[in-house]
Amino acid sequence: MFDEFSDPVSYKQKYLNQNAFLVYYTKGYDGPNRDSIESGEMPRQTLQYGARNECWNALDDFLTELNFGIKDHSSTRSDILDPLNKTISSFDRYLSIASQDDLDIAQHASLLQ
């Protein structure tokens, strides 16, 4: 679901990722009288993928704690709910970045199932 409603990785971002060492040590030099290649707003795609990764990590933490609590019976309510709340807030952050058109499509698709 995440990747379907996220912006694709741009050519510029692919270049930055593949040449991170060079970009770092040249401070983003892109030629005389030109702004740094790293200047400008952070792309929405970067924010989307960051929120997606945060959500997956939080969900993994929640499921790990839940499984441990079921087996060991030593988890507190907070041990289980804190990662769940982090998962929900991460997902909310992802949705806040998505375009309204994407949200409408996702909502419509979920109603059909």
C-alpha atoms as a PDB file:
ATOM      1  CA  MET A   1       0.000   0.000   0.000  1.00  0.00           C
ATOM      2  CA  PHE A   2       2.716   2.460   0.943  1.00  0.00           C
ATOM      3  CA  ASP A   3       4.635   2.347  -2.316  1.00  0.00           C
ATOM      4  CA  GLU A   4       1.497   2.520  -4.439  1.00  0.00           C
ATOM      5  CA  PHE A   5       0.558   5.890  -2.902  1.00  0.00           C
ATOM      6  CA  SER A   6       4.068   7.372  -2.698  1.00  0.00           C
ATOM      7  CA  ASP A   7       5.873   9.494  -5.241  1.00  0.00           C
ATOM      8  CA  PRO A   8       8.439   7.528  -7.266  1.00  0.00           C
ATOM      9  CA  VAL A   9      12.115   8.167  -6.593  1.00  0.00           C
ATOM     10  CA  SER A  10      13.245  11.051  -8.791  1.00  0.00           C
ATOM     11  CA  TYR A  11      16.292  11.030 -11.042  1.00  0.00           C
ATOM     12  CA  LYS A  12      17.890  13.670  -8.812  1.00  0.00           C
ATOM     13  CA  GLN A  13      17.319  11.547  -5.685  1.00  0.00           C
ATOM     14  CA  LYS A  14      18.746   8.455  -7.400  1.00  0.00           C
ATOM     15  CA  TYR A  15      21.817  10.477  -8.368  1.00  0.00           C
ATOM     16  CA  LEU A  16      22.228  11.787  -4.808  1.00  0.00           C
ATOM     17  CA  ASN A  17      21.858   8.279  -3.382  1.00  0.00           C
ATOM     18  CA  GLN A  18      24.293   6.693  -5.823  1.00  0.00           C
ATOM     19  CA  ASN A  19      26.866   9.464  -5.443  1.00  0.00           C
ATOM     20  CA  ALA A  20      26.483  10.252  -1.752  1.00  0.00           C
ATOM     21  CA  PHE A  21      30.239  10.149  -1.113  1.00  0.00           C
ATOM     22  CA  LEU A  22      30.947  12.593  -3.937  1.00  0.00           C
ATOM     23  CA  VAL A  23      28.047  14.893  -3.063  1.00  0.00           C
ATOM     24  CA  TYR A  24      29.097  14.966   0.595  1.00  0.00           C
ATOM     25  CA  TYR A  25      32.734  15.841  -0.038  1.00  0.00           C
ATOM     26  CA  THR A  26      31.981  18.437  -2.736  1.00  0.00           C
ATOM     27  CA  LYS A  27      29.219  19.936  -0.554  1.00  0.00           C
ATOM     28  CA  GLY A  28      26.825  19.418  -3.454  1.00  0.00           C
ATOM     29  CA  TYR A  29      28.902  21.441  -5.933  1.00  0.00           C
ATOM     30  CA  ASP A  30      27.065  21.419  -9.246  1.00  0.00           C
ATOM     31  CA  GLY A  31      29.129  23.819 -11.294  1.00  0.00           C
ATOM     32  CA  PRO A  32      30.130  27.475 -11.161  1.00  0.00           C
ATOM     33  CA  ASN A  33      27.351  29.963 -10.369  1.00  0.00           C
ATOM     34  CA  ARG A  34      24.878  27.165  -9.598  1.00  0.00           C
ATOM     35  CA  ASP A  35      23.162  26.342  -6.326  1.00  0.00           C
ATOM     36  CA  SER A  36      24.200  23.222  -4.455  1.00  0.00           C
ATOM     37  CA  ILE A  37      22.542  20.096  -5.813  1.00  0.00           C
ATOM     38  CA  GLU A  38      21.229  19.548  -2.283  1.00  0.00           C
ATOM     39  CA  SER A  39      19.525  22.955  -2.073  1.00  0.00           C
ATOM     40  CA  GLY A  40      15.778  23.322  -2.116  1.00  0.00           C
ATOM     41  CA  GLU A  41      12.939  21.714  -0.249  1.00  0.00           C
ATOM     42  CA  MET A  42      13.111  18.132   0.906  1.00  0.00           C
ATOM     43  CA  PRO A  43      11.194  16.114  -1.711  1.00  0.00           C
ATOM     44  CA  ARG A  44       7.817  14.747  -0.665  1.00  0.00           C
ATOM     45  CA  GLN A  45       9.026  11.301  -1.715  1.00  0.00           C
ATOM     46  CA  THR A  46      11.781  11.441   0.926  1.00  0.00           C
ATOM     47  CA  LEU A  47       9.268  12.366   3.614  1.00  0.00           C
ATOM     48  CA  GLN A  48       6.891   9.616   2.467  1.00  0.00           C
ATOM     49  CA  TYR A  49       9.538   6.900   2.500  1.00  0.00           C
ATOM     50  CA  GLY A  50      10.792   8.078   5.901  1.00  0.00           C
ATOM     51  CA  ALA A  51       7.277   7.886   7.355  1.00  0.00           C
ATOM     52  CA  ARG A  52       6.742   4.487   5.722  1.00  0.00           C
ATOM     53  CA  ASN A  53       9.947   3.108   7.232  1.00  0.00           C
ATOM     54  CA  GLU A  54       9.087   4.560  10.641  1.00  0.00           C
ATOM     55  CA  CYS A  55       5.673   2.907  10.468  1.00  0.00           C
ATOM     56  CA  TRP A  56       7.086  -0.509   9.537  1.00  0.00           C
ATOM     57  CA  ASN A  57       9.666  -0.297  12.355  1.00  0.00           C
ATOM     58  CA  ALA A  58       7.018   0.670  14.895  1.00  0.00           C
ATOM     59  CA  LEU A  59       4.729  -2.132  13.718  1.00  0.00           C
ATOM     60  CA  ASP A  60       7.589  -4.612  14.032  1.00  0.00           C
ATOM     61  CA  ASP A  61       8.291  -3.371  17.583  1.00  0.00           C
ATOM     62  CA  PHE A  62       4.610  -3.740  18.453  1.00  0.00           C
ATOM     63  CA  LEU A  63       4.336  -7.285  17.091  1.00  0.00           C
ATOM     64  CA  THR A  64       7.582  -8.328  18.772  1.00  0.00           C
ATOM     65  CA  GLU A  65       6.418  -6.973  22.126  1.00  0.00           C
ATOM     66  CA  LEU A  66       2.969  -8.527  21.698  1.00  0.00           C
ATOM     67  CA  ASN A  67       4.413 -11.972  20.904  1.00  0.00           C
ATOM     68  CA  PHE A  68       6.851 -11.698  23.803  1.00  0.00           C
ATOM     69  CA  GLY A  69       4.043 -10.658  26.152  1.00  0.00           C
ATOM     70  CA  ILE A  70       1.870 -13.583  25.076  1.00  0.00           C
ATOM     71  CA  LYS A  71       4.676 -16.102  25.697  1.00  0.00           C
ATOM     72  CA  ASP A  72       6.274 -14.573  28.783  1.00  0.00           C
ATOM     73  CA  HIS A  73       3.301 -12.793  30.408  1.00  0.00           C
ATOM     74  CA  SER A  74       5.680 -10.116  31.678  1.00  0.00           C
ATOM     75  CA  SER A  75       4.761  -7.251  29.363  1.00  0.00           C
ATOM     76  CA  THR A  76       2.862  -4.362  30.843  1.00  0.00           C
ATOM     77  CA  ARG A  77       0.015  -2.617  29.105  1.00  0.00           C
ATOM     78  CA  SER A  78       2.364   0.276  28.353  1.00  0.00           C
ATOM     79  CA  ASP A  79       4.960  -2.087  26.847  1.00  0.00           C
ATOM     80  CA  ILE A  80       2.385  -3.116  24.267  1.00  0.00           C
ATOM     81  CA  LEU A  81       0.455   0.113  23.731  1.00  0.00           C
ATOM     82  CA  ASP A  82       3.466   2.433  23.316  1.00  0.00           C
ATOM     83  CA  PRO A  83       4.694   0.749  20.105  1.00  0.00           C
ATOM     84  CA  LEU A  84       1.090   0.505  18.862  1.00  0.00           C
ATOM     85  CA  ASN A  85       0.574   4.240  19.429  1.00  0.00           C
ATOM     86  CA  LYS A  86       3.849   4.946  17.637  1.00  0.00           C
ATOM     87  CA  THR A  87       2.632   2.833  14.699  1.00  0.00           C
ATOM     88  CA  ILE A  88      -0.618   4.786  14.538  1.00  0.00           C
ATOM     89  CA  SER A  89       1.116   8.179  14.753  1.00  0.00           C
ATOM     90  CA  SER A  90       3.629   7.139  12.061  1.00  0.00           C
ATOM     91  CA  PHE A  91       0.798   6.048   9.792  1.00  0.00           C
ATOM     92  CA  ASP A  92      -0.993   9.349  10.452  1.00  0.00           C
ATOM     93  CA  ARG A  93       2.184  11.213   9.506  1.00  0.00           C
ATOM     94  CA  TYR A  94       2.398   9.215   6.257  1.00  0.00           C
ATOM     95  CA  LEU A  95      -1.238  10.012   5.460  1.00  0.00           C
ATOM     96  CA  SER A  96      -0.699  13.708   6.185  1.00  0.00           C
ATOM     97  CA  ILE A  97       1.933  13.779   3.410  1.00  0.00           C
ATOM     98  CA  ALA A  98      -0.216  11.973   0.828  1.00  0.00           C
ATOM     99  CA  SER A  99      -2.186  13.966  -1.724  1.00  0.00           C
ATOM    100  CA  GLN A 100      -5.955  14.202  -1.295  1.00  0.00           C
ATOM    101  CA  ASP A 101      -6.423  12.325  -4.589  1.00  0.00           C
ATOM    102  CA  ASP A 102      -4.355   9.400  -3.282  1.00  0.00           C
ATOM    103  CA  LEU A 103      -6.304   9.384  -0.008  1.00  0.00           C
ATOM    104  CA  ASP A 104      -9.602   9.315  -1.912  1.00  0.00           C
ATOM    105  CA  ILE A 105      -8.416   6.403  -4.088  1.00  0.00           C
ATOM    106  CA  ALA A 106      -7.187   4.448  -1.058  1.00  0.00           C
ATOM    107  CA  GLN A 107     -10.403   5.069   0.851  1.00  0.00           C
ATOM    108  CA  HIS A 108     -12.506   4.006  -2.121  1.00  0.00           C
ATOM    109  CA  ALA A 109     -10.406   0.842  -2.587  1.00  0.00           C
ATOM    110  CA  SER A 110     -10.744  -0.090   1.098  1.00  0.00           C
ATOM    111  CA  LEU A 111     -14.546   0.273   0.915  1.00  0.00           C
ATOM    112  CA  LEU A 112     -14.695  -2.169  -2.008  1.00  0.00           C
ATOM    113  CA  GLN A 113     -13.057  -4.975  -0.055  1.00  0.00           C
END
